[in-house]
Amino acid sequence: MLKRIISIIMISISIIILFYDYKKTNNNKEIIDEIIQDKGNNIYDGYIYIPKLDYKNVISKNNVLDENKVYMLSDKKLISNEYGNIILAGHNNKYVFSNIYKLSINDEIIISDFKNKYSYTVYIIKYINIKDKSVLDNIYNDKILTLITCTNNTQTRYIVQSKFNHIISHN
């Protein structure tokens, strides 16, 4: 009888934790949507949207990694430039880049500077050693988007690179 009561208590606690986690995740999505609707509240530099993952988050040049936002390592002017490597980094957690490993070649990634939306197509997915800084190099003959996140192995990073397609719309 005691085992049964303990089992019921453990199941109840698990359900409460799952509900809290679900609610927290949904609240985060609502906050992101509000920030995007308010065009960044003069705090953020843009946002990223990955249709395949139904993922949205805001981008900032300020170090916002501890706020579960996407950090832009490159100059924000590159978003609207004709050439360059836009480098976005984020934690590998449920609020940021935990699901980018589900992306495939030819998937679309959209970024916006709150003025325009830009479409990119994934063309490279790879792991690199943390000492490999080549993905941080700027590019002067193409326009690409580089997503970087950590892995469970502290010596590697997961990289997704996409080529610019076109401007989708003007906001």
N, C-alpha and C. Protein backbone atom coordinates (compact mmCIF):
# COMPACT_ATOMS: atom_id res chain seq x y z
N MET A 1 0.82 -1.20 0.00
CA MET A 1 0.00 0.00 0.00
C MET A 1 0.86 1.26 0.00
N LEU A 2 1.93 1.27 0.79
CA LEU A 2 2.83 2.42 0.86
C LEU A 2 3.50 2.67 -0.49
N LYS A 3 3.89 1.60 -1.19
CA LYS A 3 4.50 1.73 -2.51
C LYS A 3 3.52 2.38 -3.48
N ARG A 4 2.29 2.02 -3.39
CA ARG A 4 1.26 2.59 -4.28
C ARG A 4 1.08 4.08 -4.01
N ILE A 5 1.05 4.48 -2.77
CA ILE A 5 0.90 5.89 -2.40
C ILE A 5 2.11 6.68 -2.89
N ILE A 6 3.30 6.14 -2.67
CA ILE A 6 4.52 6.81 -3.13
C ILE A 6 4.51 6.94 -4.65
N SER A 7 4.07 5.90 -5.34
CA SER A 7 3.98 5.96 -6.81
C SER A 7 3.02 7.04 -7.27
N ILE A 8 1.88 7.14 -6.63
CA ILE A 8 0.89 8.17 -6.99
C ILE A 8 1.45 9.56 -6.72
N ILE A 9 2.14 9.72 -5.62
CA ILE A 9 2.75 11.02 -5.30
C ILE A 9 3.81 11.38 -6.34
N MET A 10 4.65 10.42 -6.71
CA MET A 10 5.70 10.67 -7.70
C MET A 10 5.10 11.02 -9.07
N ILE A 11 4.06 10.32 -9.46
CA ILE A 11 3.39 10.62 -10.73
C ILE A 11 2.79 12.01 -10.68
N SER A 12 2.16 12.36 -9.58
CA SER A 12 1.55 13.69 -9.43
C SER A 12 2.61 14.78 -9.52
N ILE A 13 3.72 14.59 -8.85
CA ILE A 13 4.81 15.57 -8.89
C ILE A 13 5.33 15.71 -10.33
N SER A 14 5.50 14.60 -11.02
CA SER A 14 5.97 14.63 -12.41
C SER A 14 5.01 15.41 -13.30
N ILE A 15 3.72 15.20 -13.13
CA ILE A 15 2.72 15.92 -13.93
C ILE A 15 2.79 17.41 -13.64
N ILE A 16 2.94 17.78 -12.39
CA ILE A 16 3.04 19.20 -12.03
C ILE A 16 4.28 19.82 -12.66
N ILE A 17 5.40 19.12 -12.59
CA ILE A 17 6.64 19.65 -13.19
C ILE A 17 6.49 19.80 -14.70
N LEU A 18 5.91 18.80 -15.36
CA LEU A 18 5.70 18.88 -16.81
C LEU A 18 4.78 20.04 -17.17
N PHE A 19 3.72 20.23 -16.42
CA PHE A 19 2.79 21.32 -16.68
C PHE A 19 3.49 22.66 -16.50
N TYR A 20 4.28 22.80 -15.43
CA TYR A 20 5.00 24.04 -15.18
C TYR A 20 5.98 24.33 -16.32
N ASP A 21 6.70 23.30 -16.75
CA ASP A 21 7.67 23.44 -17.84
C ASP A 21 6.97 23.84 -19.14
N TYR A 22 5.85 23.21 -19.44
CA TYR A 22 5.07 23.53 -20.63
C TYR A 22 4.59 24.98 -20.58
N LYS A 23 4.09 25.39 -19.42
CA LYS A 23 3.59 26.76 -19.26
C LYS A 23 4.73 27.77 -19.41
N LYS A 24 5.89 27.46 -18.84
CA LYS A 24 7.05 28.34 -18.94
C LYS A 24 7.49 28.49 -20.40
N THR A 25 7.52 27.38 -21.14
CA THR A 25 7.90 27.42 -22.55
C THR A 25 6.92 28.24 -23.36
N ASN A 26 5.62 28.06 -23.13
CA ASN A 26 4.61 28.84 -23.85
C ASN A 26 4.69 30.32 -23.49
N ASN A 27 4.95 30.64 -22.23
CA ASN A 27 5.10 32.04 -21.83
C ASN A 27 6.28 32.67 -22.56
N ASN A 28 7.37 31.92 -22.71
CA ASN A 28 8.54 32.43 -23.42
C ASN A 28 8.18 32.73 -24.88
N LYS A 29 7.43 31.84 -25.52
CA LYS A 29 7.00 32.07 -26.92
C LYS A 29 6.15 33.32 -27.02
N GLU A 30 5.26 33.53 -26.07
CA GLU A 30 4.40 34.72 -26.08
C GLU A 30 5.23 35.99 -25.91
N ILE A 31 6.23 35.95 -25.03
CA ILE A 31 7.10 37.10 -24.83
C ILE A 31 7.86 37.43 -26.11
N ILE A 32 8.39 36.40 -26.76
CA ILE A 32 9.13 36.59 -28.04
C ILE A 32 8.21 37.21 -29.08
N ASP A 33 6.98 36.70 -29.20
CA ASP A 33 6.03 37.24 -30.18
C ASP A 33 5.72 38.71 -29.89
N GLU A 34 5.58 39.07 -28.62
CA GLU A 34 5.31 40.47 -28.26
C GLU A 34 6.48 41.37 -28.63
N ILE A 35 7.70 40.91 -28.35
CA ILE A 35 8.89 41.70 -28.69
C ILE A 35 8.96 41.91 -30.21
N ILE A 36 8.71 40.85 -30.98
CA ILE A 36 8.75 40.96 -32.44
C ILE A 36 7.67 41.90 -32.93
N GLN A 37 6.48 41.79 -32.37
CA GLN A 37 5.39 42.68 -32.77
C GLN A 37 5.72 44.14 -32.48
N ASP A 38 6.47 44.38 -31.40
CA ASP A 38 6.87 45.75 -31.05
C ASP A 38 8.20 46.15 -31.68
N LYS A 39 8.61 45.38 -32.71
CA LYS A 39 9.82 45.65 -33.48
C LYS A 39 11.07 45.77 -32.60
N GLY A 40 11.15 44.89 -31.60
CA GLY A 40 12.35 44.79 -30.78
C GLY A 40 12.41 45.71 -29.60
N ASN A 41 11.41 46.56 -29.43
CA ASN A 41 11.39 47.50 -28.29
C ASN A 41 12.68 48.31 -28.18
N ASN A 42 13.33 48.58 -29.31
CA ASN A 42 14.61 49.31 -29.34
C ASN A 42 15.70 48.62 -28.53
N ILE A 43 15.52 47.34 -28.24
CA ILE A 43 16.51 46.58 -27.49
C ILE A 43 17.17 45.54 -28.38
N TYR A 44 16.38 44.90 -29.23
CA TYR A 44 16.87 43.80 -30.05
C TYR A 44 17.12 44.25 -31.48
N ASP A 45 18.03 43.54 -32.15
CA ASP A 45 18.46 43.91 -33.50
C ASP A 45 17.68 43.20 -34.60
N GLY A 46 16.90 42.21 -34.24
CA GLY A 46 16.14 41.45 -35.23
C GLY A 46 15.61 40.19 -34.61
N TYR A 47 15.19 39.28 -35.49
CA TYR A 47 14.73 37.98 -35.00
C TYR A 47 15.01 36.91 -36.04
N ILE A 48 14.97 35.68 -35.58
CA ILE A 48 15.16 34.52 -36.43
C ILE A 48 13.90 33.69 -36.37
N TYR A 49 13.52 33.13 -37.53
CA TYR A 49 12.38 32.23 -37.61
C TYR A 49 12.78 31.03 -38.46
N ILE A 50 12.59 29.83 -37.91
CA ILE A 50 12.89 28.60 -38.65
C ILE A 50 11.58 27.85 -38.83
N PRO A 51 10.98 27.95 -40.03
CA PRO A 51 9.65 27.36 -40.26
C PRO A 51 9.58 25.86 -39.93
N LYS A 52 10.57 25.09 -40.33
CA LYS A 52 10.52 23.64 -40.11
C LYS A 52 10.38 23.30 -38.62
N LEU A 53 10.98 24.12 -37.76
CA LEU A 53 10.96 23.88 -36.32
C LEU A 53 9.90 24.70 -35.60
N ASP A 54 9.21 25.56 -36.34
CA ASP A 54 8.28 26.52 -35.75
C ASP A 54 8.97 27.25 -34.60
N TYR A 55 10.17 27.72 -34.88
CA TYR A 55 11.01 28.35 -33.85
C TYR A 55 11.22 29.82 -34.18
N LYS A 56 11.03 30.66 -33.15
CA LYS A 56 11.28 32.09 -33.26
C LYS A 56 12.05 32.54 -32.03
N ASN A 57 12.97 33.47 -32.25
CA ASN A 57 13.64 34.10 -31.12
C ASN A 57 14.21 35.43 -31.59
N VAL A 58 14.47 36.30 -30.64
CA VAL A 58 15.03 37.60 -30.97
C VAL A 58 16.55 37.52 -30.97
N ILE A 59 17.15 38.44 -31.72
CA ILE A 59 18.60 38.51 -31.92
C ILE A 59 19.09 39.82 -31.32
N SER A 60 20.24 39.75 -30.65
CA SER A 60 20.83 40.97 -30.11
C SER A 60 22.34 40.95 -30.24
N LYS A 61 22.91 42.10 -30.46
CA LYS A 61 24.36 42.26 -30.49
C LYS A 61 24.90 42.27 -29.05
N ASN A 62 24.05 42.62 -28.10
CA ASN A 62 24.44 42.55 -26.69
C ASN A 62 24.47 41.08 -26.27
N ASN A 63 25.33 40.75 -25.35
CA ASN A 63 25.45 39.36 -24.93
C ASN A 63 24.21 38.95 -24.15
N VAL A 64 23.30 38.26 -24.81
CA VAL A 64 22.01 37.87 -24.22
C VAL A 64 21.90 36.36 -24.04
N LEU A 65 23.03 35.68 -24.07
CA LEU A 65 22.98 34.22 -23.96
C LEU A 65 22.33 33.78 -22.65
N ASP A 66 22.58 34.50 -21.57
CA ASP A 66 21.98 34.12 -20.29
C ASP A 66 20.49 34.41 -20.23
N GLU A 67 19.97 35.16 -21.20
CA GLU A 67 18.54 35.45 -21.26
C GLU A 67 17.82 34.51 -22.23
N ASN A 68 18.52 33.49 -22.72
CA ASN A 68 17.97 32.53 -23.69
C ASN A 68 17.52 33.20 -24.97
N LYS A 69 18.28 34.19 -25.40
CA LYS A 69 18.06 34.84 -26.68
C LYS A 69 19.22 34.49 -27.60
N VAL A 70 19.15 34.89 -28.85
CA VAL A 70 20.19 34.59 -29.83
C VAL A 70 21.17 35.76 -29.87
N TYR A 71 22.44 35.44 -29.77
CA TYR A 71 23.51 36.43 -29.73
C TYR A 71 24.15 36.58 -31.11
N MET A 72 24.23 37.82 -31.60
CA MET A 72 24.85 38.08 -32.90
C MET A 72 26.31 38.43 -32.70
N LEU A 73 27.19 37.55 -33.18
CA LEU A 73 28.63 37.79 -33.06
C LEU A 73 29.13 38.78 -34.10
N SER A 74 28.48 38.82 -35.24
CA SER A 74 28.91 39.71 -36.33
C SER A 74 28.25 41.07 -36.18
N ASP A 75 28.63 41.98 -37.04
CA ASP A 75 28.05 43.32 -37.04
C ASP A 75 26.62 43.26 -37.55
N LYS A 76 25.71 43.92 -36.88
CA LYS A 76 24.29 43.84 -37.28
C LYS A 76 24.03 44.45 -38.66
N LYS A 77 24.93 45.29 -39.15
CA LYS A 77 24.78 45.86 -40.49
C LYS A 77 24.82 44.78 -41.57
N LEU A 78 25.45 43.63 -41.24
CA LEU A 78 25.56 42.56 -42.23
C LEU A 78 24.19 42.00 -42.62
N ILE A 79 23.20 42.14 -41.76
CA ILE A 79 21.87 41.61 -42.10
C ILE A 79 21.37 42.21 -43.40
N SER A 80 21.58 43.51 -43.58
CA SER A 80 21.08 44.17 -44.79
C SER A 80 22.16 44.35 -45.86
N ASN A 81 23.40 44.01 -45.56
CA ASN A 81 24.48 44.14 -46.56
C ASN A 81 24.33 43.11 -47.67
N GLU A 82 24.99 43.41 -48.79
CA GLU A 82 24.96 42.51 -49.94
C GLU A 82 25.84 41.27 -49.72
N TYR A 83 26.93 41.44 -48.93
CA TYR A 83 27.86 40.35 -48.67
C TYR A 83 28.11 40.25 -47.18
N GLY A 84 28.59 39.09 -46.75
CA GLY A 84 29.01 38.93 -45.38
C GLY A 84 28.55 37.62 -44.76
N ASN A 85 29.06 37.36 -43.56
CA ASN A 85 28.74 36.18 -42.79
C ASN A 85 28.04 36.62 -41.51
N ILE A 86 26.74 36.45 -41.45
CA ILE A 86 25.97 36.78 -40.26
C ILE A 86 26.10 35.61 -39.31
N ILE A 87 26.69 35.84 -38.15
CA ILE A 87 26.98 34.76 -37.21
C ILE A 87 26.08 34.90 -35.99
N LEU A 88 25.26 33.87 -35.77
CA LEU A 88 24.34 33.84 -34.63
C LEU A 88 24.68 32.66 -33.74
N ALA A 89 24.80 32.92 -32.44
CA ALA A 89 25.12 31.87 -31.48
C ALA A 89 24.01 31.76 -30.46
N GLY A 90 23.81 30.57 -29.97
CA GLY A 90 22.79 30.36 -28.95
C GLY A 90 23.06 29.09 -28.18
N HIS A 91 22.55 29.07 -26.96
CA HIS A 91 22.68 27.88 -26.13
C HIS A 91 21.95 26.70 -26.75
N ASN A 92 22.40 25.53 -26.43
CA ASN A 92 21.74 24.30 -26.86
C ASN A 92 20.73 23.92 -25.78
N ASN A 93 19.68 24.72 -25.66
CA ASN A 93 18.61 24.41 -24.72
C ASN A 93 17.27 24.62 -25.40
N LYS A 94 16.19 24.26 -24.73
CA LYS A 94 14.87 24.27 -25.37
C LYS A 94 14.40 25.65 -25.79
N TYR A 95 14.99 26.72 -25.26
CA TYR A 95 14.57 28.06 -25.62
C TYR A 95 15.35 28.62 -26.82
N VAL A 96 16.49 28.03 -27.12
CA VAL A 96 17.32 28.62 -28.16
C VAL A 96 17.57 27.60 -29.28
N PHE A 97 18.70 26.93 -29.31
CA PHE A 97 19.08 26.13 -30.46
C PHE A 97 19.10 24.62 -30.22
N SER A 98 18.30 24.11 -29.32
CA SER A 98 18.35 22.67 -29.03
C SER A 98 17.87 21.83 -30.21
N ASN A 99 17.06 22.37 -31.09
CA ASN A 99 16.49 21.57 -32.17
C ASN A 99 17.13 21.82 -33.54
N ILE A 100 18.18 22.64 -33.61
CA ILE A 100 18.73 22.89 -34.95
C ILE A 100 19.36 21.65 -35.56
N TYR A 101 19.63 20.64 -34.73
CA TYR A 101 20.15 19.39 -35.30
C TYR A 101 19.09 18.70 -36.17
N LYS A 102 17.83 19.12 -36.08
CA LYS A 102 16.75 18.56 -36.91
C LYS A 102 16.70 19.19 -38.30
N LEU A 103 17.49 20.23 -38.51
CA LEU A 103 17.52 20.87 -39.82
C LEU A 103 18.23 19.99 -40.83
N SER A 104 17.84 20.14 -42.08
CA SER A 104 18.44 19.38 -43.18
C SER A 104 18.89 20.35 -44.27
N ILE A 105 19.71 19.84 -45.17
CA ILE A 105 20.11 20.64 -46.33
C ILE A 105 18.84 21.07 -47.07
N ASN A 106 18.81 22.31 -47.53
CA ASN A 106 17.70 22.95 -48.27
C ASN A 106 16.56 23.45 -47.39
N ASP A 107 16.64 23.29 -46.07
CA ASP A 107 15.62 23.88 -45.20
C ASP A 107 15.79 25.40 -45.19
N GLU A 108 14.70 26.09 -44.92
CA GLU A 108 14.71 27.55 -44.92
C GLU A 108 14.90 28.10 -43.50
N ILE A 109 15.67 29.18 -43.42
CA ILE A 109 15.82 29.97 -42.20
C ILE A 109 15.54 31.41 -42.60
N ILE A 110 14.77 32.09 -41.79
CA ILE A 110 14.42 33.48 -42.06
C ILE A 110 14.95 34.34 -40.92
N ILE A 111 15.59 35.45 -41.28
CA ILE A 111 15.96 36.42 -40.27
C ILE A 111 15.38 37.77 -40.68
N SER A 112 15.20 38.62 -39.68
CA SER A 112 14.65 39.95 -39.94
C SER A 112 15.40 40.97 -39.11
N ASP A 113 15.56 42.16 -39.66
CA ASP A 113 16.12 43.29 -38.92
C ASP A 113 15.01 44.26 -38.53
N PHE A 114 13.79 43.78 -38.53
CA PHE A 114 12.56 44.55 -38.26
C PHE A 114 12.22 45.51 -39.40
N LYS A 115 13.05 45.57 -40.44
CA LYS A 115 12.75 46.36 -41.63
C LYS A 115 12.41 45.43 -42.79
N ASN A 116 13.21 44.37 -42.94
CA ASN A 116 13.04 43.39 -44.00
C ASN A 116 13.16 41.99 -43.43
N LYS A 117 12.57 41.04 -44.15
CA LYS A 117 12.75 39.62 -43.84
C LYS A 117 13.61 39.02 -44.95
N TYR A 118 14.61 38.22 -44.55
CA TYR A 118 15.56 37.64 -45.48
C TYR A 118 15.49 36.12 -45.40
N SER A 119 15.41 35.47 -46.55
CA SER A 119 15.32 34.02 -46.62
C SER A 119 16.70 33.43 -46.92
N TYR A 120 17.04 32.36 -46.20
CA TYR A 120 18.29 31.63 -46.39
C TYR A 120 17.97 30.15 -46.54
N THR A 121 18.83 29.43 -47.26
CA THR A 121 18.69 27.98 -47.45
C THR A 121 19.92 27.28 -46.88
N VAL A 122 19.66 26.29 -46.01
CA VAL A 122 20.75 25.53 -45.39
C VAL A 122 21.54 24.78 -46.46
N TYR A 123 22.87 24.90 -46.41
CA TYR A 123 23.70 24.17 -47.37
C TYR A 123 24.85 23.42 -46.70
N ILE A 124 25.18 23.72 -45.44
CA ILE A 124 26.22 22.99 -44.73
C ILE A 124 25.75 22.75 -43.30
N ILE A 125 25.93 21.51 -42.84
CA ILE A 125 25.68 21.15 -41.44
C ILE A 125 26.89 20.34 -41.00
N LYS A 126 27.53 20.76 -39.92
CA LYS A 126 28.73 20.04 -39.50
C LYS A 126 29.06 20.32 -38.03
N TYR A 127 29.93 19.47 -37.52
CA TYR A 127 30.53 19.68 -36.20
C TYR A 127 31.94 20.20 -36.43
N ILE A 128 32.36 21.13 -35.57
CA ILE A 128 33.73 21.62 -35.66
C ILE A 128 34.35 21.60 -34.26
N ASN A 129 35.66 21.58 -34.23
CA ASN A 129 36.39 21.69 -32.97
C ASN A 129 36.29 23.13 -32.49
N ILE A 130 36.26 23.33 -31.18
CA ILE A 130 36.12 24.69 -30.65
C ILE A 130 37.29 25.60 -31.05
N LYS A 131 38.40 25.01 -31.42
CA LYS A 131 39.56 25.80 -31.84
C LYS A 131 39.45 26.26 -33.29
N ASP A 132 38.54 25.67 -34.05
CA ASP A 132 38.36 26.03 -35.46
C ASP A 132 37.53 27.32 -35.54
N LYS A 133 38.18 28.39 -35.89
CA LYS A 133 37.53 29.71 -35.96
C LYS A 133 37.15 30.09 -37.39
N SER A 134 37.34 29.19 -38.34
CA SER A 134 37.10 29.53 -39.76
C SER A 134 35.65 29.90 -40.02
N VAL A 135 34.69 29.36 -39.26
CA VAL A 135 33.28 29.70 -39.48
C VAL A 135 32.98 31.13 -39.06
N LEU A 136 33.92 31.77 -38.36
CA LEU A 136 33.73 33.15 -37.92
C LEU A 136 34.27 34.15 -38.93
N ASP A 137 34.94 33.66 -39.97
CA ASP A 137 35.52 34.55 -40.97
C ASP A 137 34.42 35.28 -41.73
N ASN A 138 34.70 36.55 -42.05
CA ASN A 138 33.75 37.28 -42.87
C ASN A 138 33.91 36.82 -44.32
N ILE A 139 32.90 37.07 -45.10
CA ILE A 139 32.88 36.65 -46.50
C ILE A 139 32.62 37.89 -47.35
N TYR A 140 33.37 38.01 -48.43
CA TYR A 140 33.28 39.22 -49.24
C TYR A 140 32.72 38.98 -50.63
N ASN A 141 32.29 37.76 -50.92
CA ASN A 141 31.75 37.48 -52.25
C ASN A 141 30.43 36.73 -52.19
N ASP A 142 29.85 36.61 -51.00
CA ASP A 142 28.60 35.88 -50.82
C ASP A 142 27.93 36.40 -49.55
N LYS A 143 26.71 36.00 -49.34
CA LYS A 143 25.99 36.38 -48.12
C LYS A 143 25.49 35.09 -47.48
N ILE A 144 26.02 34.78 -46.27
CA ILE A 144 25.61 33.56 -45.59
C ILE A 144 25.20 33.84 -44.15
N LEU A 145 24.50 32.88 -43.60
CA LEU A 145 24.06 32.92 -42.21
C LEU A 145 24.65 31.69 -41.53
N THR A 146 25.35 31.90 -40.41
CA THR A 146 25.97 30.81 -39.66
C THR A 146 25.34 30.73 -38.28
N LEU A 147 24.78 29.57 -37.95
CA LEU A 147 24.25 29.31 -36.61
C LEU A 147 25.24 28.43 -35.87
N ILE A 148 25.52 28.78 -34.61
CA ILE A 148 26.50 28.04 -33.81
C ILE A 148 25.87 27.71 -32.46
N THR A 149 26.02 26.45 -32.05
CA THR A 149 25.62 26.07 -30.70
C THR A 149 26.60 25.05 -30.15
N CYS A 150 26.57 24.89 -28.84
CA CYS A 150 27.45 23.92 -28.20
C CYS A 150 26.86 22.52 -28.35
N THR A 151 27.66 21.54 -28.00
CA THR A 151 27.22 20.14 -28.01
C THR A 151 27.49 19.57 -26.62
N ASN A 152 27.11 18.33 -26.43
CA ASN A 152 27.42 17.68 -25.16
C ASN A 152 28.92 17.49 -24.98
N ASN A 153 29.64 17.45 -26.07
CA ASN A 153 31.09 17.35 -26.04
C ASN A 153 31.63 18.78 -25.98
N THR A 154 32.32 19.11 -24.93
CA THR A 154 32.79 20.48 -24.74
C THR A 154 33.82 20.92 -25.77
N GLN A 155 34.31 19.99 -26.58
CA GLN A 155 35.34 20.33 -27.56
C GLN A 155 34.78 20.57 -28.96
N THR A 156 33.47 20.43 -29.15
CA THR A 156 32.89 20.62 -30.48
C THR A 156 31.73 21.61 -30.44
N ARG A 157 31.49 22.19 -31.60
CA ARG A 157 30.34 23.08 -31.80
C ARG A 157 29.56 22.54 -33.00
N TYR A 158 28.25 22.74 -32.97
CA TYR A 158 27.38 22.33 -34.07
C TYR A 158 27.13 23.56 -34.92
N ILE A 159 27.35 23.43 -36.22
CA ILE A 159 27.28 24.56 -37.15
C ILE A 159 26.24 24.27 -38.24
N VAL A 160 25.40 25.27 -38.50
CA VAL A 160 24.48 25.23 -39.64
C VAL A 160 24.74 26.50 -40.45
N GLN A 161 25.09 26.33 -41.72
CA GLN A 161 25.32 27.48 -42.58
C GLN A 161 24.30 27.49 -43.71
N SER A 162 23.83 28.71 -44.01
CA SER A 162 22.79 28.90 -45.01
C SER A 162 23.20 30.01 -45.97
N LYS A 163 22.79 29.86 -47.22
CA LYS A 163 23.04 30.88 -48.23
C LYS A 163 21.81 31.75 -48.41
N PHE A 164 22.07 33.01 -48.66
CA PHE A 164 21.00 33.98 -48.87
C PHE A 164 20.22 33.63 -50.15
N ASN A 165 18.90 33.69 -50.05
CA ASN A 165 18.01 33.48 -51.22
C ASN A 165 17.52 34.82 -51.75
N HIS A 166 16.70 35.47 -50.92
CA HIS A 166 16.06 36.71 -51.36
C HIS A 166 15.42 37.42 -50.17
N ILE A 167 15.07 38.66 -50.43
CA ILE A 167 14.28 39.41 -49.44
C ILE A 167 12.84 38.94 -49.59
N ILE A 168 12.23 38.53 -48.50
CA ILE A 168 10.85 38.03 -48.54
C ILE A 168 9.87 39.20 -48.57
N SER A 169 10.07 40.14 -47.65
CA SER A 169 9.14 41.27 -47.58
C SER A 169 9.76 42.41 -46.80
N HIS A 170 9.14 43.54 -46.95
CA HIS A 170 9.50 44.72 -46.17
C HIS A 170 8.45 44.85 -45.08
N ASN A 171 8.93 44.96 -43.85
CA ASN A 171 7.99 45.07 -42.71
C ASN A 171 7.38 46.44 -42.61
